[in-house]
Amino acid sequence: MKKNTRKKLEGLTLIEMMMSIAIFTMGIAGFTLLFSKTWQTNSYVLQMGQSSMTASQGVNKMVDYIRRATQAEDGSYPIKTADADSLTIYSDYDKDNTVERLHFYKSGQNILLGVTDPAEIFPRNYASGDQQIITLVSNVVNGNDEPFFYYYNKDYPGDDINNPLVAPVSSHLAEIRLMKIYLEVNTRPSSTANDVKIQSFVELRNLNDYDRVQ
């Protein structure tokens, strides 16, 4: 009886202790990895949410500026250039009753807006280059075959053969009546499966007057 009692009171052997430590260590490592992955996932989701919200706000601003495109202070047509990844129009950017030249274009993963005021003296022309540059949207990951701007004439959507117009729309700017802004946003460009796609159509209201004149 005494021998059996001593055996029951004996502690863990060295091998059993090492096995216990190894199992505990693997458990801690697994928990740490799971916590790290969960943290990274939640952080990415939060970043994407913030980025997509900011991108939507930037697109809404672009829509507002483009919708109010109008004749320039020097008499130029409301649209100066219309390319797949850049657009230059004239619009009252800051609502001060003076028409500025607005240049939308891509630089890296950003969509920028260049603003140029007309000369204060007669004749009211516009200096070359952008006077002020503002970042409208960040983390843009459009591919080479995914333009930012699409252009449509007054026959769209009935005419889907000649629409969208082939960019750059240089010799027939007067045909443009509708534009589409299309952006893909991702804070991790390598993770293309999670791209947030944002698109918005905008009608250039003041160009309807040109239809009536014609």
N, C-alpha and C. Protein backbone atom coordinates (compact mmCIF):
# COMPACT_ATOMS: atom_id res chain seq x y z
N MET A 1 0.81 -1.21 0.00
CA MET A 1 0.00 0.00 0.00
C MET A 1 0.84 1.26 0.00
N LYS A 2 1.92 1.24 0.74
CA LYS A 2 2.76 2.42 0.83
C LYS A 2 3.46 2.71 -0.49
N LYS A 3 3.89 1.60 -1.22
CA LYS A 3 4.57 1.81 -2.49
C LYS A 3 3.63 2.46 -3.50
N ASN A 4 2.39 1.99 -3.56
CA ASN A 4 1.41 2.56 -4.51
C ASN A 4 1.14 4.03 -4.19
N THR A 5 1.10 4.38 -2.93
CA THR A 5 0.86 5.77 -2.53
C THR A 5 1.97 6.67 -3.00
N ARG A 6 3.22 6.18 -2.88
CA ARG A 6 4.35 7.00 -3.32
C ARG A 6 4.31 7.25 -4.82
N LYS A 7 3.90 6.24 -5.59
CA LYS A 7 3.84 6.40 -7.04
C LYS A 7 2.81 7.46 -7.44
N LYS A 8 1.68 7.45 -6.73
CA LYS A 8 0.65 8.42 -7.04
C LYS A 8 1.08 9.85 -6.71
N LEU A 9 1.96 10.00 -5.73
CA LEU A 9 2.39 11.33 -5.32
C LEU A 9 3.56 11.86 -6.15
N GLU A 10 4.15 11.01 -7.00
CA GLU A 10 5.29 11.45 -7.80
C GLU A 10 4.85 12.50 -8.83
N GLY A 11 5.72 13.51 -9.15
CA GLY A 11 5.39 14.56 -10.12
C GLY A 11 5.58 14.09 -11.55
N LEU A 12 5.46 15.07 -12.50
CA LEU A 12 5.63 14.76 -13.92
C LEU A 12 7.08 14.42 -14.23
N THR A 13 7.25 13.56 -15.18
CA THR A 13 8.60 13.25 -15.64
C THR A 13 9.09 14.40 -16.52
N LEU A 14 10.37 14.39 -16.83
CA LEU A 14 10.96 15.45 -17.66
C LEU A 14 10.32 15.47 -19.05
N ILE A 15 10.09 14.29 -19.62
CA ILE A 15 9.49 14.22 -20.96
C ILE A 15 8.08 14.75 -20.94
N GLU A 16 7.30 14.38 -19.90
CA GLU A 16 5.93 14.87 -19.79
C GLU A 16 5.90 16.39 -19.62
N MET A 17 6.83 16.91 -18.87
CA MET A 17 6.91 18.36 -18.67
C MET A 17 7.24 19.08 -19.97
N MET A 18 8.20 18.50 -20.73
CA MET A 18 8.59 19.12 -22.00
C MET A 18 7.43 19.08 -22.99
N MET A 19 6.69 17.95 -22.99
CA MET A 19 5.53 17.86 -23.87
C MET A 19 4.47 18.89 -23.49
N SER A 20 4.25 19.06 -22.20
CA SER A 20 3.27 20.04 -21.73
C SER A 20 3.66 21.45 -22.14
N ILE A 21 4.95 21.78 -21.98
CA ILE A 21 5.44 23.11 -22.37
C ILE A 21 5.28 23.32 -23.87
N ALA A 22 5.60 22.28 -24.67
CA ALA A 22 5.50 22.38 -26.12
C ALA A 22 4.05 22.61 -26.55
N ILE A 23 3.12 21.85 -25.95
CA ILE A 23 1.70 22.02 -26.28
C ILE A 23 1.22 23.41 -25.89
N PHE A 24 1.64 23.88 -24.72
CA PHE A 24 1.25 25.22 -24.26
C PHE A 24 1.80 26.29 -25.20
N THR A 25 3.07 26.11 -25.61
CA THR A 25 3.70 27.08 -26.52
C THR A 25 2.99 27.13 -27.86
N MET A 26 2.64 25.94 -28.41
CA MET A 26 1.93 25.90 -29.69
C MET A 26 0.56 26.54 -29.56
N GLY A 27 -0.07 26.33 -28.42
CA GLY A 27 -1.37 26.95 -28.19
C GLY A 27 -1.29 28.46 -28.17
N ILE A 28 -0.28 28.98 -27.46
CA ILE A 28 -0.08 30.43 -27.40
C ILE A 28 0.24 30.98 -28.77
N ALA A 29 1.10 30.26 -29.54
CA ALA A 29 1.47 30.72 -30.88
C ALA A 29 0.25 30.75 -31.79
N GLY A 30 -0.59 29.71 -31.70
CA GLY A 30 -1.80 29.67 -32.52
C GLY A 30 -2.75 30.78 -32.17
N PHE A 31 -2.92 31.04 -30.89
CA PHE A 31 -3.80 32.13 -30.46
C PHE A 31 -3.27 33.48 -30.93
N THR A 32 -1.94 33.65 -30.82
CA THR A 32 -1.33 34.91 -31.25
C THR A 32 -1.52 35.13 -32.75
N LEU A 33 -1.32 34.05 -33.54
CA LEU A 33 -1.50 34.14 -34.99
C LEU A 33 -2.94 34.46 -35.34
N LEU A 34 -3.88 33.79 -34.66
CA LEU A 34 -5.30 34.05 -34.90
C LEU A 34 -5.66 35.49 -34.56
N PHE A 35 -5.15 35.98 -33.44
CA PHE A 35 -5.42 37.36 -33.03
C PHE A 35 -4.84 38.34 -34.04
N SER A 36 -3.60 38.03 -34.52
CA SER A 36 -2.95 38.92 -35.48
C SER A 36 -3.73 38.97 -36.79
N LYS A 37 -4.16 37.79 -37.28
CA LYS A 37 -4.93 37.74 -38.53
C LYS A 37 -6.25 38.48 -38.39
N THR A 38 -6.91 38.27 -37.26
CA THR A 38 -8.19 38.95 -37.02
C THR A 38 -8.00 40.46 -36.97
N TRP A 39 -6.93 40.90 -36.32
CA TRP A 39 -6.62 42.33 -36.22
C TRP A 39 -6.34 42.92 -37.60
N GLN A 40 -5.54 42.20 -38.40
CA GLN A 40 -5.22 42.67 -39.74
C GLN A 40 -6.47 42.77 -40.61
N THR A 41 -7.33 41.75 -40.51
CA THR A 41 -8.56 41.75 -41.30
C THR A 41 -9.47 42.91 -40.91
N ASN A 42 -9.65 43.09 -39.61
CA ASN A 42 -10.50 44.19 -39.14
C ASN A 42 -9.92 45.54 -39.53
N SER A 43 -8.58 45.65 -39.44
CA SER A 43 -7.92 46.90 -39.81
C SER A 43 -8.12 47.18 -41.29
N TYR A 44 -8.00 46.15 -42.14
CA TYR A 44 -8.18 46.32 -43.59
C TYR A 44 -9.62 46.73 -43.91
N VAL A 45 -10.58 46.07 -43.26
CA VAL A 45 -11.99 46.40 -43.47
C VAL A 45 -12.26 47.85 -43.10
N LEU A 46 -11.68 48.29 -41.98
CA LEU A 46 -11.86 49.67 -41.54
C LEU A 46 -11.24 50.64 -42.53
N GLN A 47 -10.02 50.34 -42.99
CA GLN A 47 -9.34 51.19 -43.96
C GLN A 47 -10.13 51.28 -45.26
N MET A 48 -10.64 50.14 -45.73
CA MET A 48 -11.40 50.13 -46.97
C MET A 48 -12.70 50.92 -46.82
N GLY A 49 -13.34 50.80 -45.66
CA GLY A 49 -14.56 51.55 -45.42
C GLY A 49 -14.31 53.05 -45.47
N GLN A 50 -13.24 53.49 -44.81
CA GLN A 50 -12.90 54.91 -44.80
C GLN A 50 -12.52 55.38 -46.20
N SER A 51 -11.73 54.54 -46.90
CA SER A 51 -11.26 54.92 -48.24
C SER A 51 -12.42 55.02 -49.22
N SER A 52 -13.35 54.04 -49.18
CA SER A 52 -14.48 54.07 -50.11
C SER A 52 -15.41 55.25 -49.82
N MET A 53 -15.57 55.60 -48.54
CA MET A 53 -16.40 56.74 -48.19
C MET A 53 -15.77 58.04 -48.70
N THR A 54 -14.45 58.17 -48.51
CA THR A 54 -13.74 59.35 -49.01
C THR A 54 -13.81 59.42 -50.52
N ALA A 55 -13.67 58.25 -51.18
CA ALA A 55 -13.74 58.22 -52.64
C ALA A 55 -15.12 58.64 -53.13
N SER A 56 -16.17 58.18 -52.46
CA SER A 56 -17.53 58.56 -52.84
C SER A 56 -17.74 60.06 -52.71
N GLN A 57 -17.18 60.64 -51.64
CA GLN A 57 -17.28 62.09 -51.46
C GLN A 57 -16.54 62.83 -52.57
N GLY A 58 -15.36 62.31 -52.95
CA GLY A 58 -14.60 62.93 -54.03
C GLY A 58 -15.33 62.86 -55.35
N VAL A 59 -15.94 61.71 -55.64
CA VAL A 59 -16.70 61.56 -56.88
C VAL A 59 -17.91 62.49 -56.88
N ASN A 60 -18.57 62.63 -55.75
CA ASN A 60 -19.72 63.55 -55.67
C ASN A 60 -19.30 64.98 -55.97
N LYS A 61 -18.11 65.38 -55.50
CA LYS A 61 -17.61 66.71 -55.81
C LYS A 61 -17.37 66.86 -57.31
N MET A 62 -16.77 65.83 -57.92
CA MET A 62 -16.52 65.87 -59.35
C MET A 62 -17.82 66.00 -60.12
N VAL A 63 -18.82 65.24 -59.71
CA VAL A 63 -20.13 65.28 -60.37
C VAL A 63 -20.70 66.70 -60.29
N ASP A 64 -20.59 67.32 -59.14
CA ASP A 64 -21.13 68.67 -58.96
C ASP A 64 -20.42 69.67 -59.87
N TYR A 65 -19.09 69.60 -59.93
CA TYR A 65 -18.33 70.53 -60.77
C TYR A 65 -18.66 70.32 -62.24
N ILE A 66 -18.72 69.04 -62.67
CA ILE A 66 -18.96 68.74 -64.07
C ILE A 66 -20.38 69.12 -64.47
N ARG A 67 -21.33 68.86 -63.60
CA ARG A 67 -22.73 69.18 -63.90
C ARG A 67 -22.89 70.68 -64.19
N ARG A 68 -22.10 71.52 -63.51
CA ARG A 68 -22.24 72.98 -63.66
C ARG A 68 -21.26 73.56 -64.69
N ALA A 69 -20.68 72.70 -65.54
CA ALA A 69 -19.77 73.18 -66.58
C ALA A 69 -20.47 74.23 -67.44
N THR A 70 -19.75 75.31 -67.74
CA THR A 70 -20.36 76.41 -68.48
C THR A 70 -19.30 77.13 -69.32
N GLN A 71 -19.74 78.08 -70.10
CA GLN A 71 -18.82 78.84 -70.95
C GLN A 71 -17.79 79.56 -70.11
N ALA A 72 -16.54 79.53 -70.59
CA ALA A 72 -15.43 80.16 -69.86
C ALA A 72 -15.53 81.68 -69.91
N GLU A 73 -14.76 82.32 -69.04
CA GLU A 73 -14.74 83.79 -69.00
C GLU A 73 -14.19 84.39 -70.29
N ASP A 74 -13.39 83.63 -71.03
CA ASP A 74 -12.85 84.13 -72.30
C ASP A 74 -13.69 83.68 -73.49
N GLY A 75 -14.85 83.08 -73.20
CA GLY A 75 -15.77 82.66 -74.26
C GLY A 75 -15.55 81.25 -74.76
N SER A 76 -14.60 80.53 -74.18
CA SER A 76 -14.30 79.17 -74.64
C SER A 76 -15.46 78.23 -74.34
N TYR A 77 -15.54 77.15 -75.12
CA TYR A 77 -16.56 76.12 -74.94
C TYR A 77 -16.41 75.50 -73.55
N PRO A 78 -17.50 75.05 -72.91
CA PRO A 78 -17.43 74.52 -71.55
C PRO A 78 -16.46 73.36 -71.34
N ILE A 79 -16.25 72.55 -72.40
CA ILE A 79 -15.31 71.43 -72.30
C ILE A 79 -14.07 71.77 -73.11
N LYS A 80 -12.91 71.70 -72.48
CA LYS A 80 -11.67 72.01 -73.17
C LYS A 80 -11.03 70.75 -73.74
N THR A 81 -10.89 69.71 -72.91
CA THR A 81 -10.33 68.43 -73.35
C THR A 81 -11.11 67.30 -72.66
N ALA A 82 -11.24 66.18 -73.37
CA ALA A 82 -11.96 65.03 -72.81
C ALA A 82 -11.22 63.76 -73.22
N ASP A 83 -10.45 63.22 -72.29
CA ASP A 83 -9.67 62.01 -72.54
C ASP A 83 -10.15 60.92 -71.59
N ALA A 84 -9.60 59.72 -71.77
CA ALA A 84 -10.03 58.58 -70.95
C ALA A 84 -9.66 58.76 -69.48
N ASP A 85 -8.51 59.36 -69.23
CA ASP A 85 -8.02 59.50 -67.85
C ASP A 85 -7.84 60.94 -67.41
N SER A 86 -8.31 61.87 -68.21
CA SER A 86 -8.21 63.28 -67.83
C SER A 86 -9.34 64.07 -68.48
N LEU A 87 -9.71 65.15 -67.82
CA LEU A 87 -10.81 65.98 -68.29
C LEU A 87 -10.56 67.42 -67.87
N THR A 88 -10.75 68.35 -68.80
CA THR A 88 -10.62 69.77 -68.49
C THR A 88 -11.91 70.48 -68.89
N ILE A 89 -12.51 71.15 -67.92
CA ILE A 89 -13.76 71.87 -68.17
C ILE A 89 -13.67 73.26 -67.55
N TYR A 90 -14.68 74.05 -67.79
CA TYR A 90 -14.82 75.36 -67.15
C TYR A 90 -16.07 75.32 -66.27
N SER A 91 -15.90 75.71 -65.02
CA SER A 91 -17.02 75.65 -64.08
C SER A 91 -16.74 76.61 -62.93
N ASP A 92 -17.80 77.09 -62.32
CA ASP A 92 -17.65 77.99 -61.16
C ASP A 92 -17.34 77.13 -59.94
N TYR A 93 -16.08 76.84 -59.76
CA TYR A 93 -15.61 75.90 -58.73
C TYR A 93 -16.01 76.31 -57.32
N ASP A 94 -15.77 77.57 -56.97
CA ASP A 94 -16.01 78.03 -55.61
C ASP A 94 -17.27 78.90 -55.48
N LYS A 95 -18.10 78.88 -56.53
CA LYS A 95 -19.39 79.58 -56.51
C LYS A 95 -19.24 81.07 -56.17
N ASP A 96 -18.25 81.70 -56.82
CA ASP A 96 -18.03 83.13 -56.61
C ASP A 96 -18.43 83.94 -57.83
N ASN A 97 -19.22 83.30 -58.71
CA ASN A 97 -19.69 83.93 -59.95
C ASN A 97 -18.56 84.20 -60.93
N THR A 98 -17.45 83.50 -60.77
CA THR A 98 -16.35 83.55 -61.71
C THR A 98 -16.04 82.12 -62.15
N VAL A 99 -15.92 81.91 -63.45
CA VAL A 99 -15.72 80.56 -63.98
C VAL A 99 -14.23 80.22 -64.00
N GLU A 100 -13.87 79.15 -63.28
CA GLU A 100 -12.50 78.68 -63.25
C GLU A 100 -12.29 77.54 -64.26
N ARG A 101 -11.05 77.28 -64.59
CA ARG A 101 -10.72 76.11 -65.42
C ARG A 101 -10.36 74.96 -64.48
N LEU A 102 -11.03 73.82 -64.65
CA LEU A 102 -10.83 72.67 -63.79
C LEU A 102 -10.23 71.52 -64.58
N HIS A 103 -9.15 70.98 -64.06
CA HIS A 103 -8.42 69.91 -64.74
C HIS A 103 -8.40 68.67 -63.83
N PHE A 104 -9.14 67.63 -64.22
CA PHE A 104 -9.17 66.37 -63.48
C PHE A 104 -8.19 65.39 -64.13
N TYR A 105 -7.33 64.77 -63.34
CA TYR A 105 -6.37 63.84 -63.93
C TYR A 105 -5.81 62.89 -62.87
N LYS A 106 -5.15 61.84 -63.34
CA LYS A 106 -4.58 60.84 -62.44
C LYS A 106 -3.09 61.09 -62.24
N SER A 107 -2.64 60.92 -60.99
CA SER A 107 -1.22 60.99 -60.67
C SER A 107 -0.94 59.89 -59.66
N GLY A 108 -0.25 58.83 -60.10
CA GLY A 108 -0.04 57.69 -59.23
C GLY A 108 -1.38 57.01 -58.94
N GLN A 109 -1.72 56.91 -57.67
CA GLN A 109 -3.00 56.31 -57.28
C GLN A 109 -4.00 57.38 -56.80
N ASN A 110 -3.78 58.61 -57.24
CA ASN A 110 -4.64 59.72 -56.83
C ASN A 110 -5.34 60.35 -58.04
N ILE A 111 -6.56 60.81 -57.81
CA ILE A 111 -7.24 61.66 -58.78
C ILE A 111 -7.13 63.09 -58.27
N LEU A 112 -6.49 63.93 -59.07
CA LEU A 112 -6.23 65.31 -58.66
C LEU A 112 -7.10 66.28 -59.43
N LEU A 113 -7.31 67.43 -58.83
CA LEU A 113 -8.03 68.53 -59.47
C LEU A 113 -7.13 69.75 -59.50
N GLY A 114 -6.85 70.22 -60.71
CA GLY A 114 -6.09 71.45 -60.88
C GLY A 114 -7.05 72.60 -61.16
N VAL A 115 -6.93 73.67 -60.41
CA VAL A 115 -7.84 74.81 -60.53
C VAL A 115 -7.05 76.03 -61.01
N THR A 116 -7.56 76.70 -62.03
CA THR A 116 -6.92 77.91 -62.55
C THR A 116 -7.96 79.03 -62.67
N ASP A 117 -7.68 80.16 -62.05
CA ASP A 117 -8.57 81.32 -62.12
C ASP A 117 -8.29 82.13 -63.39
N PRO A 118 -9.29 82.80 -63.93
CA PRO A 118 -9.06 83.66 -65.09
C PRO A 118 -8.31 84.93 -64.66
N ALA A 119 -7.68 85.56 -65.61
CA ALA A 119 -7.00 86.82 -65.33
C ALA A 119 -8.02 87.86 -64.88
N GLU A 120 -7.63 88.70 -63.94
CA GLU A 120 -8.55 89.70 -63.40
C GLU A 120 -8.72 90.89 -64.32
N ILE A 121 -7.81 91.03 -65.27
CA ILE A 121 -7.89 92.16 -66.20
C ILE A 121 -8.33 91.66 -67.57
N PHE A 122 -8.83 92.56 -68.37
CA PHE A 122 -9.26 92.22 -69.73
C PHE A 122 -8.05 92.08 -70.64
N PRO A 123 -8.00 91.07 -71.52
CA PRO A 123 -9.00 90.03 -71.73
C PRO A 123 -8.91 88.93 -70.66
N ARG A 124 -10.06 88.32 -70.32
CA ARG A 124 -10.12 87.32 -69.25
C ARG A 124 -9.64 85.97 -69.76
N ASN A 125 -8.35 85.80 -69.91
CA ASN A 125 -7.83 84.52 -70.36
C ASN A 125 -7.31 83.71 -69.17
N TYR A 126 -6.88 82.49 -69.44
CA TYR A 126 -6.40 81.58 -68.39
C TYR A 126 -4.93 81.26 -68.62
N ALA A 127 -4.13 81.35 -67.56
CA ALA A 127 -2.72 81.03 -67.67
C ALA A 127 -2.54 79.53 -67.90
N SER A 128 -1.43 79.16 -68.52
CA SER A 128 -1.15 77.74 -68.72
C SER A 128 -0.77 77.10 -67.39
N GLY A 129 -1.06 75.82 -67.26
CA GLY A 129 -0.75 75.12 -66.02
C GLY A 129 -1.83 75.32 -64.96
N ASP A 130 -1.71 74.52 -63.91
CA ASP A 130 -2.67 74.58 -62.80
C ASP A 130 -2.14 75.45 -61.67
N GLN A 131 -2.95 76.37 -61.20
CA GLN A 131 -2.54 77.26 -60.11
C GLN A 131 -2.65 76.58 -58.75
N GLN A 132 -3.66 75.77 -58.58
CA GLN A 132 -3.91 75.09 -57.31
C GLN A 132 -4.24 73.63 -57.60
N ILE A 133 -3.67 72.71 -56.81
CA ILE A 133 -3.89 71.28 -57.02
C ILE A 133 -4.47 70.67 -55.76
N ILE A 134 -5.57 69.94 -55.93
CA ILE A 134 -6.28 69.34 -54.81
C ILE A 134 -6.45 67.84 -55.05
N THR A 135 -6.23 67.04 -54.03
CA THR A 135 -6.46 65.60 -54.13
C THR A 135 -7.92 65.30 -53.85
N LEU A 136 -8.60 64.71 -54.83
CA LEU A 136 -10.02 64.38 -54.68
C LEU A 136 -10.23 62.95 -54.21
N VAL A 137 -9.47 62.01 -54.77
CA VAL A 137 -9.63 60.59 -54.44
C VAL A 137 -8.25 59.94 -54.35
N SER A 138 -8.07 59.07 -53.34
CA SER A 138 -6.82 58.34 -53.17
C SER A 138 -7.07 56.84 -53.30
N ASN A 139 -5.98 56.07 -53.40
CA ASN A 139 -6.04 54.60 -53.47
C ASN A 139 -6.81 54.11 -54.69
N VAL A 140 -6.66 54.79 -55.81
CA VAL A 140 -7.33 54.41 -57.05
C VAL A 140 -6.49 53.36 -57.77
N VAL A 141 -7.13 52.25 -58.18
CA VAL A 141 -6.38 51.13 -58.77
C VAL A 141 -6.94 50.72 -60.13
N ASN A 142 -7.56 51.64 -60.86
CA ASN A 142 -8.05 51.30 -62.20
C ASN A 142 -6.93 50.70 -63.04
N GLY A 143 -7.26 49.64 -63.78
CA GLY A 143 -6.28 49.06 -64.69
C GLY A 143 -6.13 49.90 -65.94
N ASN A 144 -5.16 49.51 -66.77
CA ASN A 144 -4.90 50.28 -68.00
C ASN A 144 -6.09 50.25 -68.95
N ASP A 145 -6.91 49.21 -68.87
CA ASP A 145 -8.07 49.09 -69.75
C ASP A 145 -9.36 49.55 -69.07
N GLU A 146 -9.22 50.28 -67.97
CA GLU A 146 -10.39 50.76 -67.23
C GLU A 146 -10.32 52.28 -67.09
N PRO A 147 -10.84 53.02 -68.09
CA PRO A 147 -10.76 54.49 -68.06
C PRO A 147 -11.51 55.08 -66.86
N PHE A 148 -11.14 56.29 -66.51
CA PHE A 148 -11.84 57.01 -65.45
C PHE A 148 -13.08 57.72 -65.99
N PHE A 149 -13.00 58.17 -67.25
CA PHE A 149 -14.10 58.94 -67.84
C PHE A 149 -14.64 58.27 -69.10
N TYR A 150 -15.95 58.25 -69.20
CA TYR A 150 -16.64 57.78 -70.40
C TYR A 150 -17.55 58.91 -70.87
N TYR A 151 -17.68 59.07 -72.20
CA TYR A 151 -18.44 60.19 -72.75
C TYR A 151 -19.55 59.68 -73.68
N TYR A 152 -20.71 60.34 -73.62
CA TYR A 152 -21.87 59.90 -74.39
C TYR A 152 -22.53 61.10 -75.07
N ASN A 153 -23.14 60.84 -76.24
CA ASN A 153 -23.83 61.91 -76.93
C ASN A 153 -25.30 61.95 -76.53
N LYS A 154 -26.08 62.82 -77.15
CA LYS A 154 -27.48 63.03 -76.76
C LYS A 154 -28.38 61.86 -77.11
N ASP A 155 -27.89 60.93 -77.94
CA ASP A 155 -28.69 59.79 -78.36
C ASP A 155 -28.57 58.60 -77.40
N TYR A 156 -27.71 58.70 -76.42
CA TYR A 156 -27.58 57.62 -75.45
C TYR A 156 -28.73 57.71 -74.44
N PRO A 157 -29.34 56.59 -74.00
CA PRO A 157 -28.91 55.20 -74.20
C PRO A 157 -29.53 54.51 -75.41
N GLY A 158 -30.33 55.23 -76.20
CA GLY A 158 -30.93 54.60 -77.37
C GLY A 158 -29.89 54.10 -78.36
N ASP A 159 -28.82 54.87 -78.52
CA ASP A 159 -27.75 54.51 -79.44
C ASP A 159 -26.58 53.95 -78.64
N ASP A 160 -26.48 52.62 -78.58
CA ASP A 160 -25.36 52.01 -77.86
C ASP A 160 -24.27 51.52 -78.80
N ILE A 161 -24.40 51.88 -80.09
CA ILE A 161 -23.37 51.53 -81.07
C ILE A 161 -22.29 52.60 -81.10
N ASN A 162 -22.73 53.86 -81.11
CA ASN A 162 -21.79 54.98 -81.15
C ASN A 162 -21.44 55.52 -79.77
N ASN A 163 -21.89 54.82 -78.76
CA ASN A 163 -21.62 55.23 -77.38
C ASN A 163 -21.02 54.07 -76.58
N PRO A 164 -20.08 54.35 -75.67
CA PRO A 164 -19.52 55.68 -75.41
C PRO A 164 -18.66 56.18 -76.56
N LEU A 165 -18.48 57.49 -76.62
CA LEU A 165 -17.66 58.10 -77.66
C LEU A 165 -16.21 57.67 -77.49
N VAL A 166 -15.51 57.56 -78.60
CA VAL A 166 -14.10 57.13 -78.56
C VAL A 166 -13.25 58.26 -78.00
N ALA A 167 -12.51 57.97 -76.94
CA ALA A 167 -11.62 58.97 -76.32
C ALA A 167 -10.22 58.85 -76.92
N PRO A 168 -9.50 59.97 -77.07
CA PRO A 168 -9.91 61.32 -76.66
C PRO A 168 -10.94 61.93 -77.61
N VAL A 169 -11.91 62.59 -76.99
CA VAL A 169 -12.96 63.24 -77.78
C VAL A 169 -12.47 64.65 -78.07
N SER A 170 -11.80 64.82 -79.20
CA SER A 170 -11.15 66.11 -79.48
C SER A 170 -11.90 66.91 -80.54
N SER A 171 -12.20 66.26 -81.66
CA SER A 171 -12.81 67.00 -82.77
C SER A 171 -14.32 67.14 -82.63
N HIS A 172 -14.92 66.42 -81.70
CA HIS A 172 -16.39 66.50 -81.56
C HIS A 172 -16.78 66.65 -80.10
N LEU A 173 -16.16 67.59 -79.42
CA LEU A 173 -16.50 67.88 -78.03
C LEU A 173 -17.95 68.30 -77.87
N ALA A 174 -18.48 68.97 -78.92
CA ALA A 174 -19.85 69.47 -78.84
C ALA A 174 -20.88 68.36 -78.78
N GLU A 175 -20.47 67.11 -79.07
CA GLU A 175 -21.41 66.00 -79.03
C GLU A 175 -21.64 65.49 -77.60
N ILE A 176 -20.72 65.80 -76.70
CA ILE A 176 -20.81 65.27 -75.34
C ILE A 176 -21.98 65.90 -74.60
N ARG A 177 -22.84 65.05 -74.04
CA ARG A 177 -23.93 65.52 -73.22
C ARG A 177 -23.98 64.81 -71.86
N LEU A 178 -23.33 63.67 -71.78
CA LEU A 178 -23.35 62.86 -70.56
C LEU A 178 -21.97 62.26 -70.35
N MET A 179 -21.57 62.16 -69.08
CA MET A 179 -20.29 61.55 -68.74
C MET A 179 -20.49 60.51 -67.64
N LYS A 180 -19.61 59.53 -67.63
CA LYS A 180 -19.59 58.56 -66.53
C LYS A 180 -18.21 58.58 -65.89
N ILE A 181 -18.21 58.65 -64.57
CA ILE A 181 -16.97 58.55 -63.80
C ILE A 181 -16.90 57.15 -63.22
N TYR A 182 -15.80 56.46 -63.46
CA TYR A 182 -15.65 55.08 -62.98
C TYR A 182 -14.32 54.93 -62.25
N LEU A 183 -14.39 54.53 -60.98
CA LEU A 183 -13.18 54.35 -60.18
C LEU A 183 -13.20 53.01 -59.47
N GLU A 184 -12.03 52.41 -59.34
CA GLU A 184 -11.86 51.24 -58.49
C GLU A 184 -10.87 51.63 -57.39
N VAL A 185 -11.24 51.36 -56.14
CA VAL A 185 -10.46 51.81 -54.99
C VAL A 185 -10.06 50.61 -54.14
N ASN A 186 -8.81 50.61 -53.68
CA ASN A 186 -8.34 49.55 -52.79
C ASN A 186 -7.10 50.05 -52.05
N THR A 187 -7.10 49.89 -50.73
CA THR A 187 -5.94 50.30 -49.94
C THR A 187 -4.79 49.31 -50.08
N ARG A 188 -5.08 48.12 -50.61
CA ARG A 188 -4.05 47.11 -50.90
C ARG A 188 -4.17 46.72 -52.37
N PRO A 189 -3.44 47.39 -53.24
CA PRO A 189 -3.57 47.16 -54.68
C PRO A 189 -3.40 45.70 -55.10
N SER A 190 -2.64 44.91 -54.32
CA SER A 190 -2.41 43.51 -54.69
C SER A 190 -3.65 42.66 -54.48
N SER A 191 -4.59 43.13 -53.67
CA SER A 191 -5.81 42.38 -53.38
C SER A 191 -6.93 42.85 -54.29
N THR A 192 -6.83 42.52 -55.58
CA THR A 192 -7.78 43.04 -56.57
C THR A 192 -9.19 42.51 -56.37
N ALA A 193 -9.32 41.35 -55.72
CA ALA A 193 -10.65 40.77 -55.53
C ALA A 193 -11.53 41.64 -54.64
N ASN A 194 -10.90 42.50 -53.84
CA ASN A 194 -11.65 43.33 -52.89
C ASN A 194 -11.78 44.78 -53.34
N ASP A 195 -11.53 45.06 -54.62
CA ASP A 195 -11.66 46.43 -55.12
C ASP A 195 -13.10 46.93 -54.93
N VAL A 196 -13.20 48.16 -54.45
CA VAL A 196 -14.51 48.81 -54.35
C VAL A 196 -14.73 49.62 -55.62
N LYS A 197 -15.81 49.33 -56.33
CA LYS A 197 -16.10 49.99 -57.61
C LYS A 197 -17.12 51.10 -57.39
N ILE A 198 -16.75 52.29 -57.87
CA ILE A 198 -17.62 53.47 -57.73
C ILE A 198 -17.84 54.07 -59.12
N GLN A 199 -19.10 54.26 -59.49
CA GLN A 199 -19.38 54.91 -60.76
C GLN A 199 -20.57 55.84 -60.62
N SER A 200 -20.55 56.89 -61.41
CA SER A 200 -21.63 57.87 -61.35
C SER A 200 -21.77 58.54 -62.71
N PHE A 201 -23.01 58.68 -63.16
CA PHE A 201 -23.30 59.41 -64.40
C PHE A 201 -23.61 60.86 -64.07
N VAL A 202 -23.20 61.75 -64.95
CA VAL A 202 -23.47 63.17 -64.73
C VAL A 202 -23.83 63.83 -66.05
N GLU A 203 -24.93 64.55 -66.05
CA GLU A 203 -25.37 65.28 -67.23
C GLU A 203 -24.89 66.72 -67.14
N LEU A 204 -24.34 67.22 -68.22
CA LEU A 204 -23.86 68.60 -68.27
C LEU A 204 -25.05 69.49 -68.62
N ARG A 205 -25.64 70.05 -67.60
CA ARG A 205 -26.92 70.73 -67.76
C ARG A 205 -26.85 71.90 -68.72
N ASN A 206 -25.81 72.72 -68.62
CA ASN A 206 -25.74 73.93 -69.43
C ASN A 206 -25.54 73.65 -70.91
N LEU A 207 -25.14 72.42 -71.26
CA LEU A 207 -24.93 72.11 -72.67
C LEU A 207 -26.26 71.89 -73.39
N ASN A 208 -27.35 71.74 -72.66
CA ASN A 208 -28.65 71.63 -73.32
C ASN A 208 -28.97 72.89 -74.11
N ASP A 209 -28.43 74.02 -73.67
CA ASP A 209 -28.65 75.27 -74.39
C ASP A 209 -28.06 75.19 -75.79
N TYR A 210 -26.94 74.49 -75.94
CA TYR A 210 -26.30 74.37 -77.26
C TYR A 210 -27.17 73.54 -78.19
N ASP A 211 -27.88 72.56 -77.63
CA ASP A 211 -28.81 71.78 -78.47
C ASP A 211 -29.91 72.66 -79.04
N ARG A 212 -30.41 73.57 -78.22
CA ARG A 212 -31.49 74.45 -78.67
C ARG A 212 -31.01 75.43 -79.73
N VAL A 213 -29.76 75.89 -79.57
CA VAL A 213 -29.20 76.82 -80.56
C VAL A 213 -29.03 76.14 -81.90
N GLN A 214 -28.58 74.89 -81.88
CA GLN A 214 -28.36 74.17 -83.11
C GLN A 214 -29.69 73.82 -83.77
